[in-house]
Protein backbone atom coordinates (compact mmCIF):
# COMPACT_ATOMS: atom_id res chain seq x y z
CA UNK A 1 25.91 -17.55 -9.49
CA UNK A 2 27.84 -14.43 -10.47
CA UNK A 3 24.99 -13.17 -12.66
CA UNK A 4 22.44 -13.60 -9.90
CA UNK A 5 24.79 -11.83 -7.48
CA UNK A 6 25.14 -8.89 -9.86
CA UNK A 7 21.39 -8.72 -10.51
CA UNK A 8 20.46 -8.68 -6.82
CA UNK A 9 22.94 -5.89 -6.18
CA UNK A 10 21.73 -3.96 -9.26
CA UNK A 11 18.08 -4.19 -8.22
CA UNK A 12 18.94 -3.11 -4.66
CA UNK A 13 21.10 -0.18 -5.77
CA UNK A 14 18.51 0.93 -8.36
CA UNK A 15 16.09 1.43 -5.49
CA UNK A 16 18.82 3.13 -3.39
CA UNK A 17 18.27 0.52 -0.68
CA UNK A 18 20.89 -0.37 1.88
CA UNK A 19 21.50 -4.01 2.75
CA UNK A 20 19.53 -3.42 5.93
CA UNK A 21 16.55 -2.03 3.99
CA UNK A 22 16.47 -5.03 1.64
CA UNK A 23 16.76 -7.35 4.62
CA UNK A 24 13.75 -5.66 6.25
CA UNK A 25 11.71 -5.78 3.03
CA UNK A 26 12.52 -9.41 2.20
CA UNK A 27 12.96 -11.16 5.52
CA UNK A 28 16.36 -12.42 4.35
CA UNK A 29 19.20 -11.68 6.75
CA UNK A 30 21.59 -8.85 5.90
CA UNK A 31 24.52 -11.24 6.22
CA UNK A 32 22.98 -13.66 3.68
CA UNK A 33 22.24 -10.87 1.19
CA UNK A 34 25.81 -9.65 1.52
CA UNK A 35 27.16 -13.15 0.82
CA UNK A 36 24.86 -13.50 -2.21
CA UNK A 37 25.93 -10.14 -3.66
CA UNK A 38 29.61 -11.04 -3.21
CA UNK A 39 29.05 -14.37 -4.96
CA UNK A 40 30.00 -16.28 -1.83
CA UNK A 41 26.64 -18.03 -1.43
CA UNK A 42 24.13 -19.34 -3.97
CA UNK A 43 20.57 -18.40 -2.99
CA UNK A 44 17.99 -21.15 -2.57
CA UNK A 45 14.62 -21.00 -4.32
CA UNK A 46 13.04 -19.86 -1.04
CA UNK A 47 15.53 -16.99 -0.66
CA UNK A 48 15.07 -15.99 -4.32
CA UNK A 49 11.31 -15.93 -3.76
CA UNK A 50 11.70 -13.57 -0.81
CA UNK A 51 14.10 -11.27 -2.65
CA UNK A 52 11.97 -11.15 -5.80
CA UNK A 53 8.92 -10.34 -3.66
CA UNK A 54 10.79 -7.42 -2.07
CA UNK A 55 11.70 -6.13 -5.54
CA UNK A 56 8.12 -6.71 -6.78
CA UNK A 57 9.50 -9.01 -9.46
CA UNK A 58 8.60 -12.60 -10.16
CA UNK A 59 11.29 -15.22 -9.61
CA UNK A 60 11.20 -15.84 -13.38
CA UNK A 61 11.81 -12.14 -14.03
CA UNK A 62 14.70 -11.97 -11.58
CA UNK A 63 16.38 -14.99 -13.17
CA UNK A 64 15.69 -13.74 -16.71
CA UNK A 65 17.23 -10.38 -15.84
CA UNK A 66 20.22 -12.21 -14.41
CA UNK A 67 20.94 -13.54 -17.90
CA UNK A 68 22.12 -10.03 -18.71
CA UNK A 69 20.26 -9.94 -22.02
CA UNK A 70 19.77 -6.65 -23.84
CA UNK A 71 16.65 -4.69 -23.00
CA UNK A 72 16.35 -5.82 -19.38
CA UNK A 73 17.65 -2.68 -17.70
CA UNK A 74 15.06 -0.39 -16.20
CA UNK A 75 12.47 -3.08 -15.58
CA UNK A 76 10.62 -2.34 -12.36
CA UNK A 77 8.09 -4.47 -10.58
CA UNK A 78 5.23 -2.01 -11.13
CA UNK A 79 5.70 -1.69 -14.87
CA UNK A 80 3.80 -3.63 -17.52
CA UNK A 81 5.19 -6.09 -20.03
CA UNK A 82 4.79 -4.04 -23.14
CA UNK A 83 8.07 -3.94 -25.04
CA UNK A 84 9.60 -1.03 -26.88
CA UNK A 85 9.44 -0.65 -30.64
CA UNK A 86 12.91 -2.16 -30.77
CA UNK A 87 11.58 -5.28 -29.04
CA UNK A 88 8.72 -5.78 -31.46
CA UNK A 89 10.97 -5.21 -34.47
CA UNK A 90 13.30 -8.05 -33.58
CA UNK A 91 13.01 -11.05 -35.85
CA UNK A 92 12.15 -14.55 -34.70
CA UNK A 93 15.08 -16.36 -33.17
CA UNK A 94 15.90 -19.92 -32.29
CA UNK A 95 17.18 -20.71 -28.80
CA UNK A 96 18.74 -24.14 -28.56
CA UNK A 97 18.15 -26.12 -25.37
CA UNK A 98 21.83 -25.88 -24.49
CA UNK A 99 21.66 -22.06 -24.74
CA UNK A 100 18.71 -21.62 -22.37
CA UNK A 101 19.66 -20.36 -18.92
CA UNK A 102 19.10 -22.97 -16.22
CA UNK A 103 19.23 -22.33 -12.50
CA UNK A 104 19.54 -25.03 -9.85
CA UNK A 105 18.48 -24.62 -6.23
CA UNK A 106 21.42 -25.78 -4.09
CA UNK A 107 19.03 -26.73 -1.31
CA UNK A 108 16.48 -28.96 -3.07
CA UNK A 109 17.91 -29.66 -6.51
CA UNK A 110 14.92 -27.80 -8.05
CA UNK A 111 15.82 -26.75 -11.62
CA UNK A 112 14.35 -23.84 -13.54
CA UNK A 113 15.04 -23.39 -17.26
CA UNK A 114 14.06 -20.07 -18.80
CA UNK A 115 12.24 -20.71 -22.10
CA UNK A 116 11.52 -17.15 -23.25
CA UNK A 117 13.84 -14.18 -23.45
CA UNK A 118 13.31 -10.86 -21.64
CA UNK A 119 11.82 -9.16 -24.74
CA UNK A 120 8.96 -11.66 -25.05
CA UNK A 121 5.65 -10.37 -23.57
CA UNK A 122 5.05 -13.51 -21.49
CA UNK A 123 7.54 -15.34 -19.29
CA UNK A 124 7.70 -19.11 -19.67
CA UNK A 125 9.87 -21.40 -17.57
CA UNK A 126 10.25 -25.16 -17.33
CA UNK A 127 10.64 -26.51 -13.79
CA UNK A 128 11.89 -29.89 -12.60
CA UNK A 129 10.93 -30.53 -8.97
CA UNK A 130 12.84 -33.54 -7.59
CA UNK A 131 11.23 -36.30 -5.58
CA UNK A 132 10.51 -35.16 -2.02
CA UNK A 133 11.27 -31.48 -2.74
CA UNK A 134 9.20 -28.69 -1.18
CA UNK A 135 9.55 -25.06 -2.31
CA UNK A 136 7.46 -22.36 -0.56
CA UNK A 137 6.98 -18.82 -1.85
CA UNK A 138 5.48 -15.82 0.02
CA UNK A 139 2.34 -14.17 -1.31
CA UNK A 140 4.30 -11.05 -2.34
CA UNK A 141 6.21 -13.11 -4.92
CA UNK A 142 2.93 -13.42 -6.87
CA UNK A 143 1.96 -9.73 -6.80
CA UNK A 144 1.67 -7.92 -10.13
CA UNK A 145 1.57 -11.16 -12.15
CA UNK A 146 -0.98 -13.43 -13.78
CA UNK A 147 0.27 -17.00 -13.71
CA UNK A 148 -0.62 -20.47 -14.97
CA UNK A 149 1.06 -23.70 -13.82
CA UNK A 150 0.89 -26.60 -16.30
CA UNK A 151 2.02 -30.05 -15.13
CA UNK A 152 3.91 -31.93 -17.86
CA UNK A 153 5.21 -35.06 -16.12
CA UNK A 154 4.82 -36.57 -12.65
CA UNK A 155 2.55 -35.31 -9.89
CA UNK A 156 2.55 -31.88 -8.24
CA UNK A 157 0.97 -31.16 -4.87
CA UNK A 158 0.24 -27.44 -4.95
CA UNK A 159 -0.70 -25.49 -1.82
CA UNK A 160 -2.59 -22.32 -2.77
CA UNK A 161 -3.06 -20.59 0.56
CA UNK A 162 -5.12 -23.05 2.63
CA UNK A 163 -6.25 -25.05 -0.40
CA UNK A 164 -4.32 -28.08 -1.62
CA UNK A 165 -4.48 -29.31 -5.23
CA UNK A 166 -3.10 -32.65 -6.47
CA UNK A 167 -2.17 -32.07 -10.11
CA UNK A 168 -1.36 -34.75 -12.70
CA UNK A 169 0.12 -34.53 -16.23
CA UNK A 170 -2.01 -32.26 -18.40
CA UNK A 171 -3.61 -30.48 -15.42
CA UNK A 172 -3.35 -26.70 -15.20
CA UNK A 173 -4.11 -24.17 -12.52
CA UNK A 174 -4.60 -20.46 -13.13
CA UNK A 175 -3.56 -18.57 -10.03
CA UNK A 176 -5.78 -15.92 -8.55
CA UNK A 177 -5.04 -13.23 -5.95
CA UNK A 178 -1.60 -13.45 -4.32
CA UNK A 179 -1.34 -16.02 -1.53
CA UNK A 180 1.39 -17.98 0.21
CA UNK A 181 2.04 -20.97 -2.06
CA UNK A 182 4.03 -24.19 -1.83
CA UNK A 183 5.16 -26.44 -4.68
CA UNK A 184 5.63 -29.99 -3.33
CA UNK A 185 6.59 -33.31 -4.88
CA UNK A 186 5.53 -36.10 -2.51
CA UNK A 187 6.33 -38.88 -4.99
CA UNK A 188 9.49 -40.84 -5.72
CA UNK A 189 9.89 -39.47 -9.26
CA UNK A 190 10.68 -36.01 -10.64
CA UNK A 191 7.81 -33.67 -11.43
CA UNK A 192 8.16 -31.43 -14.48
CA UNK A 193 5.88 -28.45 -15.02
CA UNK A 194 5.74 -25.19 -16.92
CA UNK A 195 5.04 -21.76 -15.48
CA UNK A 196 3.54 -19.11 -17.79
CA UNK A 197 3.12 -15.59 -16.50
CA UNK A 198 2.45 -12.09 -17.64
CA UNK A 199 2.75 -8.83 -15.74
CA UNK A 200 -0.34 -7.26 -14.27
CA UNK A 201 -0.88 -3.59 -13.47
CA UNK A 202 -1.79 -4.19 -9.86
CA UNK A 203 -1.31 -6.93 -7.24
C-alpha cells in the first residue's frame, strides 16, 4: 500500500496538481486521495481506475510504476512505450512467481499480478476476478492504450460500452476506442484472465 501511496503522490506532484485538482480530474474525493497518499486507505480497483484515467496512465502502468523499478521515472500518459538504449541493452532476466508484484482490491478481492517489468515494451498482467465480483472502469482509463483481454480460466462477462460479451477460456477480445467498461464474474468460481496492452500515441 505504501508504494501505491507514494506513486499517486509522485504522479500528482509531477503535474503540479493540488489535491483538489486531482479530485476534480478523477472524480475521487479529495479526502479519499489524501488518505491514499498518507497510506491510511488502500484504493479499490474502481478508485485506481479513476486515478489512472486522470493521470492518463493505464491501471497496469500505475501499479507497475508503484513497484519502484528503475527506469520508471518520467513516464507520462502521452508518451510512447519505446525504451531507452539502456532498456534495450538489458539482458534477459527471470522473474519468479513469488517476486512478481501482486495487488489485491480490498473491496472485491480482485487480484492483479504484474507479469512484465516497466522496461518491457508491452504490459502484461494476470487477473483473478473472484466469484460475484464486478469491477467498472471509466472510458478515460483506456485512453492512449491498445489492449487485449485473454480469458484463461472460468467465465468473464465483459461490458464494452453498451455491448456485453460472455467470454470463455481461450476467448480473446481486442478493445477498440475508449468506452466505459465493466469486468464481471457472474459465476460461482474464480475467473482468471490476462491483459496485454501497449501504449498508443493518441486516445
